[in-house]
C-alpha atoms as a PDB file:
ATOM      1  CA  MET A   1      25.853 -20.720  30.019  1.00  0.00           C
ATOM      2  CA  ASP A   2      26.543 -23.891  28.139  1.00  0.00           C
ATOM      3  CA  LYS A   3      25.757 -23.821  24.426  1.00  0.00           C
ATOM      4  CA  GLU A   4      25.137 -27.552  24.424  1.00  0.00           C
ATOM      5  CA  THR A   5      22.331 -27.348  27.007  1.00  0.00           C
ATOM      6  CA  LEU A   6      19.867 -26.031  24.428  1.00  0.00           C
ATOM      7  CA  PRO A   7      19.891 -25.662  20.662  1.00  0.00           C
ATOM      8  CA  ARG A   8      20.280 -22.183  19.201  1.00  0.00           C
ATOM      9  CA  TRP A   9      16.529 -21.668  18.838  1.00  0.00           C
ATOM     10  CA  GLY A  10      16.072 -22.544  22.529  1.00  0.00           C
ATOM     11  CA  TRP A  11      18.483 -19.841  23.656  1.00  0.00           C
ATOM     12  CA  LEU A  12      16.837 -17.438  21.219  1.00  0.00           C
ATOM     13  CA  LEU A  13      13.375 -18.243  22.580  1.00  0.00           C
ATOM     14  CA  ILE A  14      14.475 -17.807  26.202  1.00  0.00           C
ATOM     15  CA  GLY A  15      16.205 -14.504  25.428  1.00  0.00           C
ATOM     16  CA  LEU A  16      13.299 -13.082  23.449  1.00  0.00           C
ATOM     17  CA  PHE A  17      10.791 -14.134  26.114  1.00  0.00           C
ATOM     18  CA  ALA A  18      12.872 -12.530  28.877  1.00  0.00           C
ATOM     19  CA  MET A  19      13.242  -9.294  26.915  1.00  0.00           C
ATOM     20  CA  ALA A  20       9.492  -9.206  26.167  1.00  0.00           C
ATOM     21  CA  ILE A  21       8.741  -9.507  29.884  1.00  0.00           C
ATOM     22  CA  ILE A  22      11.235  -6.769  30.793  1.00  0.00           C
ATOM     23  CA  ALA A  23      10.009  -4.445  28.014  1.00  0.00           C
ATOM     24  CA  ASN A  24       6.347  -4.889  28.887  1.00  0.00           C
ATOM     25  CA  THR A  25       7.081  -4.346  32.576  1.00  0.00           C
ATOM     26  CA  LEU A  26       8.910  -1.134  31.651  1.00  0.00           C
ATOM     27  CA  ASN A  27       5.956  -0.085  29.495  1.00  0.00           C
ATOM     28  CA  ILE A  28       3.396  -0.768  32.239  1.00  0.00           C
ATOM     29  CA  VAL A  29       5.348   0.676  35.162  1.00  0.00           C
ATOM     30  CA  VAL A  30       7.221   3.617  33.616  1.00  0.00           C
ATOM     31  CA  LEU A  31       6.405   4.567  30.039  1.00  0.00           C
ATOM     32  CA  GLY A  32       2.627   4.083  30.058  1.00  0.00           C
ATOM     33  CA  PRO A  33       2.106   6.294  33.119  1.00  0.00           C
ATOM     34  CA  ALA A  34       4.571   8.813  31.622  1.00  0.00           C
ATOM     35  CA  GLY A  35       2.214   9.240  28.670  1.00  0.00           C
ATOM     36  CA  LEU A  36       3.684   7.104  25.883  1.00  0.00           C
ATOM     37  CA  PRO A  37       0.769   6.128  23.626  1.00  0.00           C
ATOM     38  CA  GLU A  38       0.019   2.417  23.526  1.00  0.00           C
ATOM     39  CA  GLN A  39       0.715   2.023  19.807  1.00  0.00           C
ATOM     40  CA  PHE A  40       4.291   3.285  20.362  1.00  0.00           C
ATOM     41  CA  GLN A  41       5.074   0.965  23.288  1.00  0.00           C
ATOM     42  CA  VAL A  42       6.124  -1.729  20.820  1.00  0.00           C
ATOM     43  CA  ILE A  43       9.316   0.321  20.271  1.00  0.00           C
ATOM     44  CA  THR A  44      10.506  -0.716  23.729  1.00  0.00           C
ATOM     45  CA  VAL A  45       9.921  -4.383  22.964  1.00  0.00           C
ATOM     46  CA  ILE A  46      11.736  -4.181  19.627  1.00  0.00           C
ATOM     47  CA  THR A  47      14.646  -2.253  21.146  1.00  0.00           C
ATOM     48  CA  LEU A  48      15.212  -4.843  23.853  1.00  0.00           C
ATOM     49  CA  MET A  49      14.752  -7.840  21.539  1.00  0.00           C
ATOM     50  CA  ALA A  50      17.162  -6.681  18.818  1.00  0.00           C
ATOM     51  CA  PRO A  51      20.370  -7.422  20.773  1.00  0.00           C
ATOM     52  CA  VAL A  52      19.089 -10.921  21.520  1.00  0.00           C
ATOM     53  CA  LEU A  53      18.478 -11.591  17.825  1.00  0.00           C
ATOM     54  CA  ILE A  54      21.954 -10.364  16.891  1.00  0.00           C
ATOM     55  CA  TYR A  55      24.084 -11.576  19.781  1.00  0.00           C
ATOM     56  CA  ILE A  56      22.722 -15.129  20.119  1.00  0.00           C
ATOM     57  CA  GLY A  57      24.190 -15.874  16.688  1.00  0.00           C
ATOM     58  CA  VAL A  58      27.494 -14.201  17.519  1.00  0.00           C
ATOM     59  CA  TRP A  59      27.708 -16.108  20.817  1.00  0.00           C
ATOM     60  CA  TYR A  60      26.551 -19.465  19.423  1.00  0.00           C
ATOM     61  CA  ASP A  61      28.486 -19.702  16.130  1.00  0.00           C
ATOM     62  CA  GLU A  62      32.052 -20.978  16.464  1.00  0.00           C
ATOM     63  CA  GLU A  63      33.287 -19.002  13.438  1.00  0.00           C
ATOM     64  CA  ARG A  64      32.236 -15.732  15.121  1.00  0.00           C
ATOM     65  CA  GLN A  65      33.971 -16.267  18.462  1.00  0.00           C
ATOM     66  CA  HIS A  66      36.772 -13.865  17.488  1.00  0.00           C
ATOM     67  CA  TYR A  67      34.251 -11.054  18.008  1.00  0.00           C
ATOM     68  CA  TRP A  68      34.585 -11.463  21.787  1.00  0.00           C
ATOM     69  CA  GLU A  69      38.333 -10.769  21.590  1.00  0.00           C
ATOM     70  CA  GLN A  70      37.667  -7.104  20.782  1.00  0.00           C
ATOM     71  CA  SER A  71      37.892  -4.434  23.444  1.00  0.00           C
ATOM     72  CA  GLN A  72      35.053  -3.954  25.903  1.00  0.00           C
ATOM     73  CA  GLU A  73      34.619  -0.425  24.578  1.00  0.00           C
ATOM     74  CA  HIS A  74      34.077  -1.711  21.045  1.00  0.00           C
ATOM     75  CA  ILE A  75      31.514  -4.285  22.203  1.00  0.00           C
ATOM     76  CA  ALA A  76      29.730  -1.672  24.341  1.00  0.00           C
ATOM     77  CA  GLY A  77      29.652   0.640  21.311  1.00  0.00           C
ATOM     78  CA  ASP A  78      28.168  -2.146  19.219  1.00  0.00           C
ATOM     79  CA  VAL A  79      25.457  -2.771  21.807  1.00  0.00           C
ATOM     80  CA  LEU A  80      24.679   0.954  21.885  1.00  0.00           C
ATOM     81  CA  PHE A  81      24.443   1.017  18.081  1.00  0.00           C
ATOM     82  CA  VAL A  82      22.086  -1.974  18.169  1.00  0.00           C
ATOM     83  CA  PHE A  83      19.819  -0.343  20.764  1.00  0.00           C
ATOM     84  CA  VAL A  84      19.753   3.025  18.999  1.00  0.00           C
ATOM     85  CA  GLY A  85      19.248   1.432  15.576  1.00  0.00           C
ATOM     86  CA  ALA A  86      16.316  -0.647  16.803  1.00  0.00           C
ATOM     87  CA  ALA A  87      14.680   2.293  18.562  1.00  0.00           C
ATOM     88  CA  VAL A  88      15.149   4.741  15.692  1.00  0.00           C
ATOM     89  CA  GLY A  89      14.240   2.274  12.945  1.00  0.00           C
ATOM     90  CA  SER A  90      11.069   1.080  14.641  1.00  0.00           C
ATOM     91  CA  ALA A  91      10.058   4.629  15.622  1.00  0.00           C
ATOM     92  CA  ILE A  92      10.466   5.925  12.067  1.00  0.00           C
ATOM     93  CA  ALA A  93       8.454   3.029  10.679  1.00  0.00           C
ATOM     94  CA  LEU A  94       5.678   3.492  13.227  1.00  0.00           C
ATOM     95  CA  VAL A  95       5.437   7.241  12.698  1.00  0.00           C
ATOM     96  CA  ALA A  96       5.145   6.622   8.961  1.00  0.00           C
ATOM     97  CA  ILE A  97       2.419   3.956   9.180  1.00  0.00           C
ATOM     98  CA  VAL A  98       0.490   4.552  12.406  1.00  0.00           C
ATOM     99  CA  ASP A  99      -2.151   6.794  10.789  1.00  0.00           C
ATOM    100  CA  ILE A 100      -2.589   4.787   7.588  1.00  0.00           C
ATOM    101  CA  GLY A 101      -5.217   2.555   9.151  1.00  0.00           C
ATOM    102  CA  LEU A 102      -3.370  -0.740   9.038  1.00  0.00           C
ATOM    103  CA  PRO A 103      -4.248  -3.309  11.681  1.00  0.00           C
ATOM    104  CA  ARG A 104      -2.117  -3.063  14.821  1.00  0.00           C
ATOM    105  CA  LEU A 105      -0.404  -6.389  14.101  1.00  0.00           C
ATOM    106  CA  LEU A 106       0.829  -5.184  10.695  1.00  0.00           C
ATOM    107  CA  GLN A 107       2.059  -1.937  12.232  1.00  0.00           C
ATOM    108  CA  ASP A 108       3.992  -3.871  14.860  1.00  0.00           C
ATOM    109  CA  VAL A 109       5.493  -6.274  12.329  1.00  0.00           C
ATOM    110  CA  GLY A 110       6.530  -3.386  10.077  1.00  0.00           C
ATOM    111  CA  ALA A 111       8.139  -1.592  12.996  1.00  0.00           C
ATOM    112  CA  MET A 112       9.913  -4.789  14.056  1.00  0.00           C
ATOM    113  CA  ALA A 113      11.283  -5.356  10.572  1.00  0.00           C
ATOM    114  CA  ALA A 114      12.509  -1.772  10.224  1.00  0.00           C
ATOM    115  CA  GLY A 115      13.993  -1.660  13.721  1.00  0.00           C
ATOM    116  CA  PHE A 116      15.789  -4.955  13.412  1.00  0.00           C
ATOM    117  CA  MET A 117      17.120  -4.238   9.934  1.00  0.00           C
ATOM    118  CA  LEU A 118      18.533  -0.874  10.969  1.00  0.00           C
ATOM    119  CA  SER A 119      20.094  -2.278  14.147  1.00  0.00           C
ATOM    120  CA  TRP A 120      21.601  -5.246  12.307  1.00  0.00           C
ATOM    121  CA  GLY A 121      22.805  -2.925   9.552  1.00  0.00           C
ATOM    122  CA  LEU A 122      24.602  -0.739  12.072  1.00  0.00           C
ATOM    123  CA  PHE A 123      26.083  -3.813  13.756  1.00  0.00           C
ATOM    124  CA  TRP A 124      27.287  -5.134  10.396  1.00  0.00           C
ATOM    125  CA  TRP A 125      28.689  -1.721   9.462  1.00  0.00           C
ATOM    126  CA  ARG A 126      30.793  -1.749  12.638  1.00  0.00           C
ATOM    127  CA  ASN A 127      31.837  -5.415  12.196  1.00  0.00           C
ATOM    128  CA  PRO A 128      32.015  -6.210   8.462  1.00  0.00           C
ATOM    129  CA  THR A 129      34.583  -8.987   8.927  1.00  0.00           C
ATOM    130  CA  LEU A 130      32.209 -10.933  11.161  1.00  0.00           C
ATOM    131  CA  TYR A 131      30.053 -11.930   8.187  1.00  0.00           C
ATOM    132  CA  ARG A 132      32.695 -11.843   5.429  1.00  0.00           C
ATOM    133  CA  ALA A 133      32.793 -15.670   5.025  1.00  0.00           C
ATOM    134  CA  GLU A 134      29.040 -15.793   4.356  1.00  0.00           C
ATOM    135  CA  ALA A 135      29.193 -12.890   1.909  1.00  0.00           C
ATOM    136  CA  SER A 136      31.851 -14.620  -0.214  1.00  0.00           C
ATOM    137  CA  ARG A 137      29.748 -17.757  -0.747  1.00  0.00           C
END
């Protein structure tokens, strides 16, 4: 994949769209028939989109290329932390707000914010040097 083919937002859009299709297919084919309530199916979408939001920046930015020099085990651990953080964060947020009576869109946005923030927080916790230059500004 050539970074120069598309701008950053183009790669982000393609990645998020692909993950939304995969997550919704998983929801329709597996999780829906297994009994997962519809209002909780957004957790799957958030969980699959979180790595795209985090890793497009790490892949695209030149000053973060040293991340890819780490061991495969470390990178796999980071990906696992991102997935678990997104799933747990969005699930906790949804459980807390699903019965309040908010519109479905607000519930989904709240779950997305919580899931992404927890997953990014765990990623940052495992890789604090990756963002050190921005923190010192």
